[in-house]
Amino acid sequence: MKTHATMLEKRLNSSRSFFDSERLSPNTFAYILMIPAALVMFGVVVYPFVYNVILSFSNMSLRHFRDWHIVGFRQYAAVFSGKVFYTVFFETIVWTFVNIFFHVTIGVSLALILNRRLFGKAAIRTLLILPWAIPQVIVALTWRSMFNYEYGAINLFIARYLGMAPIEWLGKPLEAFSACIITNIWLGFPFMMTIALGGLQSIPQELYEAADIDGASAWQKFWSVTVPLLKPVMIPAITLGIIWTFNNVNIIWLVSNGGEPSDQTHILVSYVYKAAFNLYRYGYAAALSMVIFAILLTFSLVFLKRTRASEAAY
């Protein structure tokens, strides 16, 4: 019994000495604590990314699911040689630009209103944040039902209060694409509103008082005081918004029912999903996803450098 107690005490002492901070270098113990997080990051980020890069150089598909091999840049050549890429890329640019324009415009406008003294401000702010708080799947399916031709709330409103004929929102390409944009605008403006409101509340009130003394109008105060001081806050938010919108597959896929009608409402990321899980062209989908990654990475670096957002943060 005494022998077992002695052995247990030795093991405890050895384990304590291993984690003794005096025996470890200043950073070793921190690295040990980072190992679990590093393993998780490797499993969910690094490994899938590397595997996707490998697949983009392969011929993996439903026909070559088990016997796939590396074929070089053949999949990338297929991406850039097809007309589909350029058509869908143009639609993606339109989708991103229109959404971000209305996200920023509506978000900043509402933030300017909420930054004033307003009755019931807390309740109004909570209601305006709700679209962002609700899961995208629920939002997409709800708006899809509202765009229904026969019993959708939007067509009922148009017919009853505007006296117009119902619009076939989900049956025609332009209307279906517009329906997706309307849904995403409703979903995305609260994020920009929240960021802009935080930026407005950090602007010293003395600057506006000094502008009033100089006789500046409301428009001059907005362009000379508000916009320059909001820029360091809004530029990173706009960059994130562009990336999120560019890659937002949920709204397009659920509202338009997978790019319908006739695959004419796709953006790049939804077409990647279709190529991988509907057409089973895994190598092609991987190559197209890497092209999307290169586009977004290049845009982010150039946009942040041109706007000097990182410099303004210091």
Protein backbone atom coordinates (compact mmCIF):
# COMPACT_ATOMS: atom_id res chain seq x y z
CA MET A 1 0.00 0.00 0.00
CA LYS A 2 2.82 2.35 0.94
CA THR A 3 4.64 1.46 -2.30
CA HIS A 4 1.61 2.36 -4.45
CA ALA A 5 1.27 5.70 -2.60
CA THR A 6 4.94 6.46 -3.23
CA MET A 7 4.63 5.67 -6.97
CA LEU A 8 1.50 7.85 -7.28
CA GLU A 9 3.28 10.72 -5.57
CA LYS A 10 6.23 10.40 -7.97
CA ARG A 11 3.91 10.51 -11.01
CA LEU A 12 2.14 13.61 -9.70
CA ASN A 13 5.46 15.31 -9.04
CA SER A 14 6.70 14.48 -12.54
CA SER A 15 3.52 15.86 -14.17
CA ARG A 16 3.76 19.02 -12.09
CA SER A 17 7.40 19.46 -13.03
CA PHE A 18 6.49 19.15 -16.72
CA PHE A 19 4.11 22.10 -16.48
CA ASP A 20 6.32 24.01 -14.06
CA SER A 21 6.58 27.52 -15.49
CA GLU A 22 10.14 27.87 -14.23
CA ARG A 23 11.32 24.99 -16.44
CA LEU A 24 9.44 26.14 -19.54
CA SER A 25 10.43 29.04 -21.75
CA PRO A 26 8.13 32.08 -21.63
CA ASN A 27 6.23 31.03 -24.79
CA THR A 28 6.25 27.23 -24.46
CA PHE A 29 3.31 27.01 -22.06
CA ALA A 30 1.28 29.34 -24.29
CA TYR A 31 2.02 27.11 -27.28
CA ILE A 32 0.87 24.05 -25.34
CA LEU A 33 -2.45 25.74 -24.60
CA MET A 34 -2.82 26.63 -28.29
CA ILE A 35 -2.46 23.02 -29.50
CA PRO A 36 -6.20 22.07 -29.24
CA ALA A 37 -7.30 25.21 -31.09
CA ALA A 38 -4.59 24.68 -33.71
CA LEU A 39 -5.76 21.10 -34.30
CA VAL A 40 -9.36 22.26 -34.73
CA MET A 41 -8.30 25.01 -37.16
CA PHE A 42 -6.24 22.51 -39.13
CA GLY A 43 -9.20 20.13 -39.35
CA VAL A 44 -11.85 22.66 -40.39
CA VAL A 45 -9.81 25.22 -42.37
CA VAL A 46 -6.33 24.13 -43.48
CA TYR A 47 -7.03 20.52 -44.48
CA PRO A 48 -10.25 21.28 -46.46
CA PHE A 49 -8.51 24.17 -48.24
CA VAL A 50 -5.49 22.08 -49.24
CA TYR A 51 -7.74 19.19 -50.30
CA ASN A 52 -9.81 21.60 -52.41
CA VAL A 53 -6.67 22.88 -54.11
CA ILE A 54 -5.68 19.30 -54.96
CA LEU A 55 -9.17 18.54 -56.29
CA SER A 56 -9.04 21.61 -58.53
CA PHE A 57 -6.16 19.96 -60.45
CA SER A 58 -7.94 16.61 -60.72
CA ASN A 59 -10.64 15.02 -62.87
CA MET A 60 -12.76 13.95 -59.90
CA SER A 61 -16.42 13.57 -60.82
CA LEU A 62 -19.22 11.04 -60.46
CA ARG A 63 -17.57 8.88 -63.16
CA HIS A 64 -14.14 9.16 -61.55
CA PHE A 65 -15.10 9.19 -57.90
CA ARG A 66 -12.64 6.48 -56.80
CA ASP A 67 -10.10 6.47 -59.62
CA TRP A 68 -9.53 10.23 -60.00
CA HIS A 69 -6.07 11.55 -60.77
CA ILE A 70 -4.27 14.83 -61.35
CA VAL A 71 -4.88 16.38 -64.79
CA GLY A 72 -3.10 19.71 -64.38
CA PHE A 73 -4.87 22.94 -65.32
CA ARG A 74 -7.60 21.23 -67.35
CA GLN A 75 -10.37 22.22 -64.93
CA TYR A 76 -9.21 25.84 -64.84
CA ALA A 77 -9.20 25.87 -68.63
CA ALA A 78 -12.77 24.54 -68.58
CA VAL A 79 -13.79 27.33 -66.21
CA PHE A 80 -12.39 30.16 -68.33
CA SER A 81 -13.29 28.67 -71.72
CA GLY A 82 -16.99 28.34 -70.96
CA LYS A 83 -19.51 31.15 -71.47
CA VAL A 84 -21.24 30.25 -68.24
CA PHE A 85 -18.45 31.68 -66.10
CA TYR A 86 -18.56 35.14 -67.68
CA THR A 87 -22.36 35.33 -67.62
CA VAL A 88 -22.58 34.25 -64.00
CA PHE A 89 -19.63 36.48 -63.05
CA PHE A 90 -21.42 39.52 -64.50
CA GLU A 91 -24.57 38.60 -62.57
CA THR A 92 -22.46 38.25 -59.43
CA ILE A 93 -21.00 41.74 -59.90
CA VAL A 94 -24.49 43.21 -60.34
CA TRP A 95 -25.78 41.24 -57.35
CA THR A 96 -22.93 42.43 -55.11
CA PHE A 97 -22.95 46.08 -56.20
CA VAL A 98 -26.72 46.58 -55.89
CA ASN A 99 -26.87 44.85 -52.51
CA ILE A 100 -23.93 46.72 -51.00
CA PHE A 101 -25.19 50.06 -52.33
CA PHE A 102 -28.55 49.64 -50.61
CA HIS A 103 -27.01 48.05 -47.50
CA VAL A 104 -24.77 51.07 -46.96
CA THR A 105 -27.32 53.69 -48.02
CA ILE A 106 -30.17 52.33 -45.91
CA GLY A 107 -27.89 51.39 -43.00
CA VAL A 108 -26.18 54.79 -42.72
CA SER A 109 -29.49 56.66 -43.18
CA LEU A 110 -31.13 54.71 -40.37
CA ALA A 111 -28.04 55.14 -38.19
CA LEU A 112 -28.23 58.92 -38.65
CA ILE A 113 -31.87 58.84 -37.57
CA LEU A 114 -31.20 56.60 -34.56
CA ASN A 115 -28.28 58.79 -33.48
CA ARG A 116 -30.72 61.61 -32.73
CA ARG A 117 -33.11 61.97 -29.82
CA LEU A 118 -36.02 59.74 -30.75
CA PHE A 119 -39.02 58.46 -28.82
CA GLY A 120 -38.86 54.68 -28.38
CA LYS A 121 -35.33 54.50 -29.81
CA ALA A 122 -34.49 51.22 -28.05
CA ALA A 123 -37.59 49.43 -29.38
CA ILE A 124 -37.06 50.79 -32.91
CA ARG A 125 -33.41 49.74 -32.88
CA THR A 126 -34.37 46.24 -31.74
CA LEU A 127 -36.95 45.89 -34.52
CA LEU A 128 -34.46 47.07 -37.15
CA ILE A 129 -31.85 44.54 -36.02
CA LEU A 130 -34.30 41.61 -36.25
CA PRO A 131 -33.67 40.87 -39.97
CA TRP A 132 -30.00 40.33 -39.19
CA ALA A 133 -30.74 38.21 -36.11
CA ILE A 134 -33.12 35.78 -37.85
CA PRO A 135 -31.41 32.78 -39.55
CA GLN A 136 -31.00 33.21 -43.30
CA VAL A 137 -32.82 29.98 -44.11
CA ILE A 138 -35.96 31.19 -42.36
CA VAL A 139 -35.68 34.61 -44.03
CA ALA A 140 -35.22 33.10 -47.50
CA LEU A 141 -38.13 30.68 -47.23
CA THR A 142 -40.41 33.36 -45.76
CA TRP A 143 -39.65 35.80 -48.57
CA ARG A 144 -40.06 33.02 -51.14
CA SER A 145 -43.59 32.42 -49.90
CA MET A 146 -44.25 36.18 -49.95
CA PHE A 147 -43.20 36.29 -53.62
CA ASN A 148 -45.64 33.52 -54.58
CA TYR A 149 -47.66 34.46 -57.65
CA GLU A 150 -51.10 33.40 -56.39
CA TYR A 151 -51.17 33.87 -52.61
CA GLY A 152 -47.97 35.76 -51.80
CA ALA A 153 -48.31 38.85 -49.59
CA ILE A 154 -46.43 41.07 -52.05
CA ASN A 155 -48.70 40.32 -55.00
CA LEU A 156 -51.78 40.68 -52.79
CA PHE A 157 -50.54 44.12 -51.72
CA ILE A 158 -49.79 45.10 -55.34
CA ALA A 159 -53.22 44.00 -56.54
CA ARG A 160 -55.23 45.40 -53.64
CA TYR A 161 -53.52 48.75 -52.92
CA LEU A 162 -51.73 49.61 -56.16
CA GLY A 163 -54.28 48.21 -58.59
CA MET A 164 -51.58 46.45 -60.63
CA ALA A 165 -51.52 42.98 -62.09
CA PRO A 166 -49.65 40.35 -60.03
CA ILE A 167 -45.98 39.95 -60.91
CA GLU A 168 -44.57 36.51 -61.66
CA TRP A 169 -41.65 36.99 -59.31
CA LEU A 170 -40.26 33.47 -59.36
CA GLY A 171 -41.15 32.47 -62.92
CA LYS A 172 -39.02 34.91 -64.94
CA PRO A 173 -35.25 35.48 -64.75
CA LEU A 174 -35.21 39.25 -64.13
CA GLU A 175 -38.05 39.12 -61.62
CA ALA A 176 -36.55 36.14 -59.78
CA PHE A 177 -33.14 37.83 -59.59
CA SER A 178 -34.83 41.01 -58.33
CA ALA A 179 -36.67 38.99 -55.69
CA CYS A 180 -33.34 37.60 -54.44
CA ILE A 181 -31.85 41.10 -54.30
CA ILE A 182 -34.84 42.50 -52.38
CA THR A 183 -34.58 39.66 -49.87
CA ASN A 184 -30.85 40.15 -49.35
CA ILE A 185 -31.22 43.93 -48.98
CA TRP A 186 -33.75 43.38 -46.19
CA LEU A 187 -31.39 40.87 -44.62
CA GLY A 188 -28.18 42.89 -44.83
CA PHE A 189 -28.87 46.53 -43.98
CA PRO A 190 -28.99 46.00 -40.15
CA PHE A 191 -25.29 45.07 -40.11
CA MET A 192 -24.27 48.31 -41.81
CA MET A 193 -26.70 50.24 -39.59
CA THR A 194 -25.14 48.78 -36.44
CA ILE A 195 -21.58 49.53 -37.56
CA ALA A 196 -22.47 53.06 -38.69
CA LEU A 197 -24.35 53.78 -35.45
CA GLY A 198 -21.33 52.74 -33.40
CA GLY A 199 -19.13 54.99 -35.52
CA LEU A 200 -21.49 57.95 -35.18
CA GLN A 201 -21.62 57.62 -31.41
CA SER A 202 -17.81 57.81 -31.25
CA ILE A 203 -17.64 61.16 -33.09
CA PRO A 204 -17.05 64.01 -30.59
CA GLN A 205 -20.02 66.37 -30.41
CA GLU A 206 -17.63 69.32 -30.16
CA LEU A 207 -16.81 68.97 -33.85
CA TYR A 208 -20.43 69.57 -34.81
CA GLU A 209 -20.64 72.51 -32.41
CA ALA A 210 -17.54 74.03 -34.01
CA ALA A 211 -19.09 73.54 -37.44
CA ASP A 212 -22.26 75.30 -36.25
CA ILE A 213 -20.19 78.25 -35.08
CA ASP A 214 -18.58 78.42 -38.54
CA GLY A 215 -22.06 78.50 -40.08
CA ALA A 216 -21.87 75.10 -41.78
CA SER A 217 -25.09 73.61 -43.14
CA ALA A 218 -26.31 70.12 -42.29
CA TRP A 219 -25.03 68.83 -45.65
CA GLN A 220 -21.59 70.42 -45.11
CA LYS A 221 -21.34 68.91 -41.60
CA PHE A 222 -22.23 65.50 -43.05
CA TRP A 223 -19.54 65.61 -45.76
CA SER A 224 -16.85 67.41 -43.78
CA VAL A 225 -17.27 65.82 -40.34
CA THR A 226 -19.41 62.68 -40.44
CA VAL A 227 -18.15 61.01 -43.62
CA PRO A 228 -14.37 61.36 -42.93
CA LEU A 229 -14.75 60.07 -39.37
CA LEU A 230 -17.03 57.21 -40.44
CA LYS A 231 -14.65 56.06 -43.16
CA PRO A 232 -12.23 54.09 -40.90
CA VAL A 233 -15.24 52.22 -39.49
CA MET A 234 -17.24 51.68 -42.65
CA ILE A 235 -14.48 50.63 -45.08
CA PRO A 236 -13.69 47.32 -43.28
CA ALA A 237 -17.44 46.74 -42.84
CA ILE A 238 -18.05 47.32 -46.54
CA THR A 239 -15.18 44.95 -47.38
CA LEU A 240 -16.73 42.24 -45.22
CA GLY A 241 -20.14 42.98 -46.68
CA ILE A 242 -18.84 42.57 -50.22
CA ILE A 243 -17.21 39.23 -49.38
CA TRP A 244 -20.31 37.94 -47.58
CA THR A 245 -22.65 39.09 -50.36
CA PHE A 246 -20.39 37.72 -53.09
CA ASN A 247 -20.48 34.33 -51.34
CA ASN A 248 -24.11 34.35 -50.18
CA VAL A 249 -25.44 31.08 -51.56
CA ASN A 250 -28.39 30.75 -49.17
CA ILE A 251 -30.59 33.51 -50.56
CA ILE A 252 -30.02 32.71 -54.23
CA TRP A 253 -30.46 28.98 -53.75
CA LEU A 254 -33.55 29.09 -51.53
CA VAL A 255 -35.44 32.07 -52.95
CA SER A 256 -34.92 31.20 -56.61
CA ASN A 257 -35.07 27.44 -55.96
CA GLY A 258 -31.54 26.64 -57.11
CA GLY A 259 -31.05 29.31 -59.78
CA GLU A 260 -34.40 28.89 -61.47
CA PRO A 261 -35.82 29.59 -63.94
CA SER A 262 -33.50 27.71 -66.28
CA ASP A 263 -30.35 28.40 -64.22
CA GLN A 264 -30.51 32.11 -65.08
CA THR A 265 -30.36 33.54 -61.56
CA HIS A 266 -27.08 32.01 -60.43
CA ILE A 267 -24.13 33.81 -58.88
CA LEU A 268 -20.68 32.21 -58.85
CA VAL A 269 -20.95 30.53 -55.47
CA SER A 270 -24.40 29.07 -56.18
CA TYR A 271 -23.12 27.73 -59.50
CA VAL A 272 -20.23 26.09 -57.62
CA TYR A 273 -22.79 24.39 -55.38
CA LYS A 274 -24.78 23.23 -58.41
CA ALA A 275 -21.66 21.96 -60.20
CA ALA A 276 -20.56 19.99 -57.13
CA PHE A 277 -23.80 18.58 -55.72
CA ASN A 278 -26.17 18.54 -58.71
CA LEU A 279 -23.83 17.90 -61.63
CA TYR A 280 -21.20 16.02 -59.54
CA ARG A 281 -18.31 17.80 -61.29
CA TYR A 282 -16.14 17.99 -58.19
CA GLY A 283 -12.90 18.95 -59.92
CA TYR A 284 -14.59 21.70 -61.91
CA ALA A 285 -16.37 23.02 -58.81
CA ALA A 286 -13.10 23.03 -56.86
CA ALA A 287 -11.34 24.97 -59.63
CA LEU A 288 -14.18 27.50 -59.81
CA SER A 289 -14.12 27.94 -56.03
CA MET A 290 -10.39 28.66 -56.18
CA VAL A 291 -11.05 31.28 -58.87
CA ILE A 292 -13.61 32.90 -56.54
CA PHE A 293 -11.06 32.83 -53.71
CA ALA A 294 -8.46 34.53 -55.92
CA ILE A 295 -10.97 37.20 -57.01
CA LEU A 296 -12.00 38.04 -53.44
CA LEU A 297 -8.46 37.97 -52.08
CA THR A 298 -7.21 40.30 -54.81
CA PHE A 299 -10.17 42.64 -54.38
CA SER A 300 -9.80 42.79 -50.59
CA LEU A 301 -6.08 43.58 -50.71
CA VAL A 302 -6.45 46.24 -53.42
CA PHE A 303 -9.57 47.80 -51.89
CA LEU A 304 -8.09 48.07 -48.40
CA LYS A 305 -4.83 49.45 -49.78
CA ARG A 306 -6.53 52.03 -51.99
CA THR A 307 -8.86 53.22 -49.22
CA ARG A 308 -6.03 53.09 -46.62
CA ALA A 309 -8.45 51.64 -44.10
CA SER A 310 -5.76 49.86 -42.11
CA GLU A 311 -3.70 53.06 -41.81
CA ALA A 312 -6.68 55.05 -40.56
CA ALA A 313 -7.28 52.57 -37.75
CA TYR A 314 -4.02 53.51 -36.00
